[in-house]
Amino acid sequence: MYLRTLFRLIMVAAAVLLVACEIGSPAGGATEATYSDPLAYCAAVGTVDAPDARYAGPAMPEAILQGMVRQGIVAADAPPEFARNAVWRCMDGHVWVCHFGANLPCQERADTSQEPSEAMREFCSANPAAESIPAAVTGRATVYDWACAEGEPEIVAQVFQPDAQGFLGAFWHELNPD
């Protein structure tokens, strides 16, 4: 009698555990698809800021490296460590890549603030007629060209546009799936 009751309790506990696992996982226990091809991955996921757990391939896939060469983003004879100095993401089902190059802010959101920072104010105080405030002071992600007028920071022009995901659009390139 004792064993029969114990067996029933174990069976009930197992059933409860099984139901809890199915409720807590996607599609009632089904696992999400993973992709090793960045083109197929982006086509499936649509838009993400960086590859997530659904992408199971190398951090910088050969297909993306070859795409950057084909589109002239990096030279064919560039050293591998230089060519791999890039990041990619998905936007509207397509692969987009940014090669860091000369300190490009690939992974930063575009800074659209029109309020000068304290660093800009200090720079203009020390350089009251500077025709340009350096990126080291403004931040590399600003969309504006800043200058100093009578010791105060001012926007000269908007030089960059954020893309649909909020990154600096000029530095990101859609890879053609050739």
N, C-alpha and C. Protein backbone atom coordinates (compact mmCIF):
# COMPACT_ATOMS: atom_id res chain seq x y z
N MET A 1 0.83 -1.18 0.00
CA MET A 1 0.00 0.00 0.00
C MET A 1 0.88 1.26 0.00
N TYR A 2 1.90 1.26 0.83
CA TYR A 2 2.81 2.39 0.91
C TYR A 2 3.50 2.63 -0.44
N LEU A 3 3.97 1.58 -1.11
CA LEU A 3 4.65 1.72 -2.40
C LEU A 3 3.70 2.25 -3.47
N ARG A 4 2.45 1.78 -3.45
CA ARG A 4 1.47 2.24 -4.43
C ARG A 4 1.23 3.74 -4.26
N THR A 5 1.09 4.24 -3.05
CA THR A 5 0.88 5.66 -2.78
C THR A 5 2.10 6.46 -3.21
N LEU A 6 3.28 5.96 -2.89
CA LEU A 6 4.52 6.63 -3.28
C LEU A 6 4.63 6.70 -4.80
N PHE A 7 4.29 5.60 -5.48
CA PHE A 7 4.34 5.58 -6.95
C PHE A 7 3.39 6.63 -7.53
N ARG A 8 2.17 6.74 -6.98
CA ARG A 8 1.19 7.72 -7.48
C ARG A 8 1.70 9.15 -7.26
N LEU A 9 2.30 9.40 -6.10
CA LEU A 9 2.84 10.73 -5.84
C LEU A 9 3.95 11.08 -6.82
N ILE A 10 4.81 10.13 -7.12
CA ILE A 10 5.88 10.34 -8.09
C ILE A 10 5.30 10.62 -9.46
N MET A 11 4.29 9.89 -9.86
CA MET A 11 3.67 10.08 -11.18
C MET A 11 3.00 11.45 -11.27
N VAL A 12 2.31 11.87 -10.21
CA VAL A 12 1.68 13.18 -10.19
C VAL A 12 2.75 14.27 -10.27
N ALA A 13 3.82 14.15 -9.50
CA ALA A 13 4.90 15.13 -9.53
C ALA A 13 5.54 15.21 -10.91
N ALA A 14 5.73 14.07 -11.55
CA ALA A 14 6.31 14.05 -12.89
C ALA A 14 5.38 14.73 -13.88
N ALA A 15 4.09 14.51 -13.78
CA ALA A 15 3.13 15.15 -14.68
C ALA A 15 3.11 16.66 -14.49
N VAL A 16 3.14 17.10 -13.22
CA VAL A 16 3.18 18.54 -12.93
C VAL A 16 4.45 19.16 -13.49
N LEU A 17 5.58 18.52 -13.32
CA LEU A 17 6.85 19.01 -13.84
C LEU A 17 6.82 19.10 -15.36
N LEU A 18 6.26 18.10 -16.01
CA LEU A 18 6.17 18.09 -17.47
C LEU A 18 5.32 19.24 -17.97
N VAL A 19 4.18 19.49 -17.34
CA VAL A 19 3.31 20.59 -17.73
C VAL A 19 4.01 21.92 -17.50
N ALA A 20 4.71 22.06 -16.38
CA ALA A 20 5.42 23.30 -16.09
C ALA A 20 6.50 23.57 -17.13
N CYS A 21 7.20 22.54 -17.55
CA CYS A 21 8.24 22.72 -18.58
C CYS A 21 7.64 23.12 -19.91
N GLU A 22 6.53 22.54 -20.27
CA GLU A 22 5.88 22.89 -21.55
C GLU A 22 5.34 24.30 -21.54
N ILE A 23 4.80 24.74 -20.39
CA ILE A 23 4.28 26.10 -20.29
C ILE A 23 5.41 27.10 -20.38
N GLY A 24 6.56 26.81 -19.79
CA GLY A 24 7.67 27.75 -19.75
C GLY A 24 8.51 27.80 -21.01
N SER A 25 8.30 26.90 -21.97
CA SER A 25 9.13 26.90 -23.17
C SER A 25 8.32 27.36 -24.37
N PRO A 26 8.98 27.87 -25.42
CA PRO A 26 8.25 28.35 -26.58
C PRO A 26 7.51 27.23 -27.29
N ALA A 27 6.34 27.56 -27.81
CA ALA A 27 5.52 26.65 -28.61
C ALA A 27 5.27 25.33 -27.89
N GLY A 28 4.99 25.39 -26.58
CA GLY A 28 4.64 24.19 -25.84
C GLY A 28 5.71 23.12 -25.86
N GLY A 29 6.97 23.50 -25.76
CA GLY A 29 8.04 22.53 -25.69
C GLY A 29 8.91 22.49 -26.92
N ALA A 30 8.51 23.12 -28.01
CA ALA A 30 9.32 23.13 -29.22
C ALA A 30 10.50 24.07 -29.03
N THR A 31 11.62 23.74 -29.60
CA THR A 31 12.79 24.62 -29.50
C THR A 31 12.80 25.56 -30.70
N GLU A 32 13.37 26.75 -30.49
CA GLU A 32 13.46 27.72 -31.56
C GLU A 32 14.52 27.30 -32.57
N ALA A 33 14.27 27.61 -33.84
CA ALA A 33 15.22 27.26 -34.89
C ALA A 33 16.50 28.09 -34.72
N THR A 34 17.62 27.49 -35.08
CA THR A 34 18.89 28.21 -35.09
C THR A 34 19.44 28.21 -36.51
N TYR A 35 20.30 29.18 -36.79
CA TYR A 35 20.84 29.38 -38.14
C TYR A 35 22.34 29.58 -38.06
N SER A 36 23.06 29.00 -39.02
CA SER A 36 24.49 29.25 -39.10
C SER A 36 24.82 30.16 -40.29
N ASP A 37 23.86 30.36 -41.18
CA ASP A 37 24.01 31.25 -42.33
C ASP A 37 23.42 32.61 -41.96
N PRO A 38 24.22 33.69 -41.98
CA PRO A 38 23.70 34.99 -41.57
C PRO A 38 22.56 35.50 -42.47
N LEU A 39 22.59 35.16 -43.76
CA LEU A 39 21.52 35.61 -44.65
C LEU A 39 20.20 34.94 -44.29
N ALA A 40 20.23 33.64 -44.06
CA ALA A 40 19.01 32.92 -43.66
C ALA A 40 18.55 33.39 -42.28
N TYR A 41 19.50 33.62 -41.40
CA TYR A 41 19.17 34.10 -40.05
C TYR A 41 18.42 35.42 -40.12
N CYS A 42 18.97 36.39 -40.84
CA CYS A 42 18.33 37.71 -40.93
C CYS A 42 16.97 37.63 -41.62
N ALA A 43 16.88 36.79 -42.65
CA ALA A 43 15.60 36.62 -43.33
C ALA A 43 14.55 36.09 -42.37
N ALA A 44 14.96 35.24 -41.44
CA ALA A 44 14.03 34.63 -40.49
C ALA A 44 13.67 35.56 -39.33
N VAL A 45 14.66 36.27 -38.80
CA VAL A 45 14.40 37.06 -37.59
C VAL A 45 13.95 38.49 -37.89
N GLY A 46 14.21 39.00 -39.08
CA GLY A 46 13.77 40.35 -39.43
C GLY A 46 14.73 41.42 -38.98
N THR A 47 14.57 41.90 -37.75
CA THR A 47 15.37 43.01 -37.25
C THR A 47 15.86 42.72 -35.84
N VAL A 48 17.18 42.72 -35.66
CA VAL A 48 17.82 42.62 -34.34
C VAL A 48 19.09 43.45 -34.36
N ASP A 49 19.43 44.01 -33.21
CA ASP A 49 20.62 44.87 -33.12
C ASP A 49 21.93 44.11 -33.17
N ALA A 50 21.90 42.84 -32.83
CA ALA A 50 23.09 41.99 -32.86
C ALA A 50 22.61 40.54 -32.89
N PRO A 51 23.41 39.64 -33.46
CA PRO A 51 22.99 38.24 -33.48
C PRO A 51 22.71 37.73 -32.07
N ASP A 52 21.63 36.97 -31.94
CA ASP A 52 21.26 36.43 -30.63
C ASP A 52 21.41 34.91 -30.63
N ALA A 53 20.80 34.24 -29.69
CA ALA A 53 20.96 32.79 -29.53
C ALA A 53 20.44 32.00 -30.72
N ARG A 54 19.64 32.61 -31.57
CA ARG A 54 19.14 31.90 -32.75
C ARG A 54 20.21 31.78 -33.83
N TYR A 55 21.28 32.57 -33.71
CA TYR A 55 22.39 32.48 -34.66
C TYR A 55 23.46 31.58 -34.07
N ALA A 56 23.80 30.51 -34.77
CA ALA A 56 24.73 29.52 -34.25
C ALA A 56 26.04 29.45 -35.04
N GLY A 57 26.27 30.40 -35.92
CA GLY A 57 27.48 30.38 -36.74
C GLY A 57 28.61 31.16 -36.11
N PRO A 58 29.70 31.33 -36.86
CA PRO A 58 30.85 32.08 -36.34
C PRO A 58 30.52 33.56 -36.16
N ALA A 59 31.22 34.22 -35.25
CA ALA A 59 30.96 35.64 -34.96
C ALA A 59 31.07 36.50 -36.22
N MET A 60 32.09 36.24 -37.03
CA MET A 60 32.23 36.97 -38.28
C MET A 60 32.28 35.94 -39.41
N PRO A 61 31.13 35.62 -39.98
CA PRO A 61 31.06 34.58 -41.02
C PRO A 61 31.80 34.96 -42.30
N GLU A 62 32.32 33.96 -42.96
CA GLU A 62 33.03 34.16 -44.22
C GLU A 62 32.14 34.84 -45.25
N ALA A 63 30.86 34.53 -45.26
CA ALA A 63 29.93 35.15 -46.22
C ALA A 63 29.89 36.67 -46.04
N ILE A 64 29.97 37.13 -44.82
CA ILE A 64 29.96 38.57 -44.57
C ILE A 64 31.30 39.18 -44.98
N LEU A 65 32.40 38.51 -44.65
CA LEU A 65 33.72 39.00 -45.07
C LEU A 65 33.78 39.13 -46.59
N GLN A 66 33.32 38.11 -47.30
CA GLN A 66 33.34 38.15 -48.77
C GLN A 66 32.41 39.23 -49.30
N GLY A 67 31.28 39.42 -48.66
CA GLY A 67 30.36 40.49 -49.05
C GLY A 67 30.98 41.87 -48.88
N MET A 68 31.73 42.07 -47.79
CA MET A 68 32.40 43.36 -47.58
C MET A 68 33.46 43.60 -48.65
N VAL A 69 34.17 42.56 -49.05
CA VAL A 69 35.17 42.69 -50.12
C VAL A 69 34.47 43.01 -51.43
N ARG A 70 33.42 42.25 -51.76
CA ARG A 70 32.68 42.43 -53.02
C ARG A 70 32.13 43.85 -53.15
N GLN A 71 31.69 44.42 -52.03
CA GLN A 71 31.09 45.75 -52.07
C GLN A 71 32.10 46.87 -51.80
N GLY A 72 33.38 46.53 -51.67
CA GLY A 72 34.41 47.54 -51.49
C GLY A 72 34.46 48.15 -50.09
N ILE A 73 33.87 47.50 -49.11
CA ILE A 73 33.92 48.00 -47.74
C ILE A 73 35.30 47.74 -47.16
N VAL A 74 35.90 46.60 -47.49
CA VAL A 74 37.29 46.31 -47.16
C VAL A 74 37.98 45.81 -48.41
N ALA A 75 39.28 46.01 -48.48
CA ALA A 75 40.06 45.59 -49.64
C ALA A 75 40.27 44.07 -49.61
N ALA A 76 40.34 43.48 -50.76
CA ALA A 76 40.54 42.03 -50.88
C ALA A 76 41.86 41.59 -50.25
N ASP A 77 42.87 42.46 -50.27
CA ASP A 77 44.16 42.09 -49.70
C ASP A 77 44.36 42.60 -48.27
N ALA A 78 43.27 43.02 -47.62
CA ALA A 78 43.37 43.49 -46.23
C ALA A 78 43.76 42.33 -45.32
N PRO A 79 44.59 42.58 -44.32
CA PRO A 79 44.93 41.51 -43.37
C PRO A 79 43.66 40.98 -42.70
N PRO A 80 43.60 39.69 -42.46
CA PRO A 80 42.38 39.09 -41.87
C PRO A 80 41.93 39.76 -40.57
N GLU A 81 42.88 40.12 -39.72
CA GLU A 81 42.50 40.75 -38.45
C GLU A 81 41.86 42.12 -38.68
N PHE A 82 42.26 42.82 -39.74
CA PHE A 82 41.64 44.10 -40.08
C PHE A 82 40.25 43.86 -40.67
N ALA A 83 40.15 42.91 -41.59
CA ALA A 83 38.87 42.64 -42.26
C ALA A 83 37.81 42.21 -41.25
N ARG A 84 38.21 41.45 -40.23
CA ARG A 84 37.25 40.96 -39.24
C ARG A 84 36.86 42.01 -38.20
N ASN A 85 37.43 43.18 -38.28
CA ASN A 85 37.14 44.24 -37.33
C ASN A 85 35.83 44.93 -37.71
N ALA A 86 34.76 44.17 -37.63
CA ALA A 86 33.44 44.65 -38.05
C ALA A 86 32.37 43.98 -37.19
N VAL A 87 31.17 44.53 -37.27
CA VAL A 87 30.01 43.94 -36.62
C VAL A 87 28.88 43.88 -37.63
N TRP A 88 27.92 42.98 -37.38
CA TRP A 88 26.78 42.89 -38.28
C TRP A 88 25.50 42.74 -37.47
N ARG A 89 24.40 43.06 -38.12
CA ARG A 89 23.08 42.97 -37.51
C ARG A 89 22.05 42.75 -38.61
N CYS A 90 20.83 42.60 -38.22
CA CYS A 90 19.76 42.38 -39.18
C CYS A 90 18.79 43.57 -39.14
N MET A 91 18.41 44.04 -40.33
CA MET A 91 17.42 45.09 -40.43
C MET A 91 16.50 44.75 -41.59
N ASP A 92 15.22 44.63 -41.29
CA ASP A 92 14.20 44.31 -42.29
C ASP A 92 14.53 43.04 -43.06
N GLY A 93 15.10 42.05 -42.38
CA GLY A 93 15.38 40.76 -43.00
C GLY A 93 16.67 40.71 -43.80
N HIS A 94 17.47 41.77 -43.76
CA HIS A 94 18.72 41.83 -44.52
C HIS A 94 19.91 41.98 -43.58
N VAL A 95 21.08 41.54 -44.03
CA VAL A 95 22.32 41.68 -43.26
C VAL A 95 22.89 43.07 -43.49
N TRP A 96 23.22 43.74 -42.40
CA TRP A 96 23.86 45.04 -42.44
C TRP A 96 25.18 44.92 -41.68
N VAL A 97 26.23 45.56 -42.19
CA VAL A 97 27.56 45.45 -41.60
C VAL A 97 28.17 46.84 -41.41
N CYS A 98 28.97 46.97 -40.35
CA CYS A 98 29.72 48.19 -40.09
C CYS A 98 31.15 47.78 -39.80
N HIS A 99 32.07 48.31 -40.56
CA HIS A 99 33.50 48.05 -40.35
C HIS A 99 34.04 49.21 -39.52
N PHE A 100 34.67 48.88 -38.40
CA PHE A 100 35.09 49.92 -37.46
C PHE A 100 36.05 50.93 -38.07
N GLY A 101 36.93 50.52 -38.96
CA GLY A 101 37.82 51.47 -39.62
C GLY A 101 38.48 52.43 -38.65
N ALA A 102 38.34 53.72 -38.89
CA ALA A 102 38.98 54.75 -38.08
C ALA A 102 38.06 55.20 -36.95
N ASN A 103 37.94 54.37 -35.93
CA ASN A 103 37.17 54.71 -34.73
C ASN A 103 35.70 54.99 -34.98
N LEU A 104 35.09 54.30 -35.92
CA LEU A 104 33.67 54.50 -36.18
C LEU A 104 32.85 53.92 -35.03
N PRO A 105 31.81 54.64 -34.63
CA PRO A 105 30.97 54.18 -33.52
C PRO A 105 29.89 53.20 -34.00
N CYS A 106 30.31 52.06 -34.49
CA CYS A 106 29.37 51.10 -35.07
C CYS A 106 28.29 50.64 -34.10
N GLN A 107 28.64 50.45 -32.86
CA GLN A 107 27.70 49.85 -31.92
C GLN A 107 26.99 50.86 -31.03
N GLU A 108 27.22 52.14 -31.28
CA GLU A 108 26.55 53.19 -30.50
C GLU A 108 25.33 53.69 -31.23
N ARG A 109 24.31 54.04 -30.49
CA ARG A 109 23.14 54.69 -31.07
C ARG A 109 23.53 56.11 -31.46
N ALA A 110 22.90 56.62 -32.48
CA ALA A 110 23.16 57.99 -32.91
C ALA A 110 22.76 58.96 -31.79
N ASP A 111 23.62 59.91 -31.53
CA ASP A 111 23.36 60.93 -30.51
C ASP A 111 22.71 62.11 -31.21
N THR A 112 21.41 62.27 -31.00
CA THR A 112 20.66 63.34 -31.65
C THR A 112 20.40 64.52 -30.71
N SER A 113 21.03 64.50 -29.54
CA SER A 113 20.82 65.58 -28.58
C SER A 113 21.35 66.91 -29.14
N GLN A 114 20.54 67.94 -28.98
CA GLN A 114 20.95 69.28 -29.39
C GLN A 114 21.46 70.10 -28.21
N GLU A 115 21.56 69.44 -27.07
CA GLU A 115 22.09 70.09 -25.86
C GLU A 115 23.59 69.84 -25.77
N PRO A 116 24.39 70.87 -25.69
CA PRO A 116 25.84 70.66 -25.57
C PRO A 116 26.19 70.02 -24.23
N SER A 117 27.21 69.18 -24.26
CA SER A 117 27.68 68.53 -23.04
C SER A 117 28.58 69.49 -22.26
N GLU A 118 28.87 69.08 -21.04
CA GLU A 118 29.78 69.89 -20.22
C GLU A 118 31.17 69.93 -20.86
N ALA A 119 31.59 68.83 -21.48
CA ALA A 119 32.90 68.79 -22.15
C ALA A 119 32.93 69.79 -23.31
N MET A 120 31.83 69.93 -24.04
CA MET A 120 31.77 70.91 -25.13
C MET A 120 31.83 72.33 -24.58
N ARG A 121 31.13 72.56 -23.49
CA ARG A 121 31.16 73.90 -22.87
C ARG A 121 32.59 74.26 -22.42
N GLU A 122 33.26 73.28 -21.81
CA GLU A 122 34.64 73.52 -21.37
C GLU A 122 35.56 73.78 -22.55
N PHE A 123 35.38 73.02 -23.63
CA PHE A 123 36.21 73.21 -24.82
C PHE A 123 35.99 74.61 -25.38
N CYS A 124 34.75 75.03 -25.49
CA CYS A 124 34.47 76.35 -26.06
C CYS A 124 34.92 77.48 -25.13
N SER A 125 34.91 77.23 -23.86
CA SER A 125 35.42 78.23 -22.92
C SER A 125 36.92 78.45 -23.16
N ALA A 126 37.63 77.35 -23.43
CA ALA A 126 39.07 77.44 -23.69
C ALA A 126 39.38 77.83 -25.13
N ASN A 127 38.44 77.61 -26.06
CA ASN A 127 38.63 77.88 -27.49
C ASN A 127 37.39 78.61 -28.02
N PRO A 128 37.18 79.85 -27.63
CA PRO A 128 35.90 80.54 -27.89
C PRO A 128 35.51 80.72 -29.35
N ALA A 129 36.45 80.65 -30.27
CA ALA A 129 36.11 80.84 -31.69
C ALA A 129 36.43 79.61 -32.53
N ALA A 130 36.53 78.44 -31.91
CA ALA A 130 36.87 77.22 -32.65
C ALA A 130 35.81 76.93 -33.71
N GLU A 131 36.28 76.71 -34.93
CA GLU A 131 35.35 76.44 -36.04
C GLU A 131 34.78 75.03 -36.00
N SER A 132 35.38 74.18 -35.18
CA SER A 132 34.90 72.80 -35.05
C SER A 132 35.29 72.26 -33.67
N ILE A 133 34.38 71.54 -33.06
CA ILE A 133 34.69 70.86 -31.81
C ILE A 133 35.05 69.43 -32.18
N PRO A 134 36.22 68.94 -31.76
CA PRO A 134 36.66 67.59 -32.15
C PRO A 134 35.72 66.49 -31.63
N ALA A 135 35.69 65.40 -32.38
CA ALA A 135 34.86 64.24 -32.02
C ALA A 135 35.24 63.68 -30.65
N ALA A 136 36.50 63.82 -30.26
CA ALA A 136 36.92 63.36 -28.94
C ALA A 136 36.18 64.12 -27.84
N VAL A 137 35.69 65.31 -28.16
CA VAL A 137 34.95 66.12 -27.19
C VAL A 137 33.44 65.92 -27.36
N THR A 138 32.96 65.96 -28.60
CA THR A 138 31.51 65.84 -28.83
C THR A 138 30.99 64.43 -28.65
N GLY A 139 31.89 63.47 -28.83
CA GLY A 139 31.46 62.07 -28.89
C GLY A 139 31.34 61.70 -30.35
N ARG A 140 31.75 60.50 -30.69
CA ARG A 140 31.78 60.09 -32.10
C ARG A 140 30.40 59.76 -32.66
N ALA A 141 29.41 59.63 -31.81
CA ALA A 141 28.08 59.24 -32.28
C ALA A 141 27.15 60.41 -32.55
N THR A 142 27.62 61.64 -32.34
CA THR A 142 26.75 62.78 -32.60
C THR A 142 26.40 62.88 -34.08
N VAL A 143 25.20 63.33 -34.36
CA VAL A 143 24.78 63.51 -35.75
C VAL A 143 25.09 64.94 -36.22
N TYR A 144 25.63 65.77 -35.32
CA TYR A 144 25.85 67.18 -35.65
C TYR A 144 27.33 67.53 -35.74
N ASP A 145 27.59 68.57 -36.52
CA ASP A 145 28.89 69.23 -36.54
C ASP A 145 28.74 70.40 -35.58
N TRP A 146 29.60 70.44 -34.56
CA TRP A 146 29.53 71.48 -33.53
C TRP A 146 30.70 72.44 -33.68
N ALA A 147 30.48 73.70 -33.32
CA ALA A 147 31.53 74.72 -33.30
C ALA A 147 31.34 75.58 -32.06
N CYS A 148 32.28 76.51 -31.86
CA CYS A 148 32.17 77.45 -30.74
C CYS A 148 31.91 78.84 -31.30
N ALA A 149 30.94 79.51 -30.75
CA ALA A 149 30.62 80.89 -31.13
C ALA A 149 30.60 81.72 -29.86
N GLU A 150 31.54 82.64 -29.77
CA GLU A 150 31.67 83.51 -28.60
C GLU A 150 31.72 82.68 -27.31
N GLY A 151 32.47 81.56 -27.38
CA GLY A 151 32.69 80.74 -26.20
C GLY A 151 31.59 79.76 -25.86
N GLU A 152 30.56 79.64 -26.72
CA GLU A 152 29.45 78.73 -26.47
C GLU A 152 29.33 77.71 -27.60
N PRO A 153 29.06 76.45 -27.28
CA PRO A 153 28.87 75.44 -28.32
C PRO A 153 27.60 75.71 -29.12
N GLU A 154 27.71 75.49 -30.43
CA GLU A 154 26.52 75.63 -31.28
C GLU A 154 26.57 74.60 -32.40
N ILE A 155 25.41 74.20 -32.86
CA ILE A 155 25.31 73.26 -33.97
C ILE A 155 25.51 74.02 -35.26
N VAL A 156 26.43 73.53 -36.09
CA VAL A 156 26.68 74.14 -37.39
C VAL A 156 25.78 73.49 -38.45
N ALA A 157 25.70 72.16 -38.41
CA ALA A 157 24.89 71.43 -39.39
C ALA A 157 24.66 70.00 -38.91
N GLN A 158 23.61 69.41 -39.41
CA GLN A 158 23.42 67.97 -39.17
C GLN A 158 24.14 67.26 -40.29
N VAL A 159 25.08 66.36 -39.92
CA VAL A 159 25.91 65.69 -40.92
C VAL A 159 25.59 64.21 -41.07
N PHE A 160 24.85 63.64 -40.13
CA PHE A 160 24.48 62.22 -40.20
C PHE A 160 23.00 62.05 -39.89
N GLN A 161 22.45 60.94 -40.39
CA GLN A 161 21.06 60.57 -40.10
C GLN A 161 21.06 59.22 -39.38
N PRO A 162 20.23 59.08 -38.37
CA PRO A 162 20.09 57.76 -37.77
C PRO A 162 19.31 56.85 -38.72
N ASP A 163 19.65 55.55 -38.72
CA ASP A 163 18.86 54.62 -39.53
C ASP A 163 17.62 54.20 -38.74
N ALA A 164 16.84 53.29 -39.27
CA ALA A 164 15.58 52.88 -38.64
C ALA A 164 15.78 52.28 -37.25
N GLN A 165 16.97 51.75 -36.96
CA GLN A 165 17.25 51.18 -35.65
C GLN A 165 17.97 52.15 -34.73
N GLY A 166 18.24 53.35 -35.21
CA GLY A 166 18.85 54.36 -34.36
C GLY A 166 20.36 54.44 -34.41
N PHE A 167 20.99 53.67 -35.30
CA PHE A 167 22.44 53.74 -35.46
C PHE A 167 22.78 54.78 -36.52
N LEU A 168 24.05 55.20 -36.56
CA LEU A 168 24.47 56.17 -37.58
C LEU A 168 24.44 55.49 -38.95
N GLY A 169 23.47 55.83 -39.75
CA GLY A 169 23.23 55.16 -41.02
C GLY A 169 24.38 55.21 -42.01
N ALA A 170 25.18 56.26 -41.98
CA ALA A 170 26.27 56.40 -42.94
C ALA A 170 27.35 55.34 -42.80
N PHE A 171 27.44 54.71 -41.63
CA PHE A 171 28.51 53.75 -41.39
C PHE A 171 28.07 52.29 -41.60
N TRP A 172 26.79 52.08 -41.79
CA TRP A 172 26.25 50.74 -41.96
C TRP A 172 25.93 50.49 -43.42
N HIS A 173 26.26 49.28 -43.90
CA HIS A 173 26.07 48.92 -45.31
C HIS A 173 25.25 47.64 -45.41
N GLU A 174 24.22 47.70 -46.23
CA GLU A 174 23.45 46.48 -46.48
C GLU A 174 24.26 45.58 -47.40
N LEU A 175 24.42 44.33 -47.01
CA LEU A 175 25.16 43.38 -47.86
C LEU A 175 24.22 42.79 -48.89
N ASN A 176 24.67 42.83 -50.12
CA ASN A 176 23.90 42.21 -51.21
C ASN A 176 24.18 40.71 -51.21
N PRO A 177 23.16 39.89 -51.29
CA PRO A 177 23.36 38.43 -51.21
C PRO A 177 23.82 37.80 -52.51
N ASP A 178 24.90 38.27 -53.09
CA ASP A 178 25.40 37.72 -54.37
C ASP A 178 25.94 36.35 -54.19
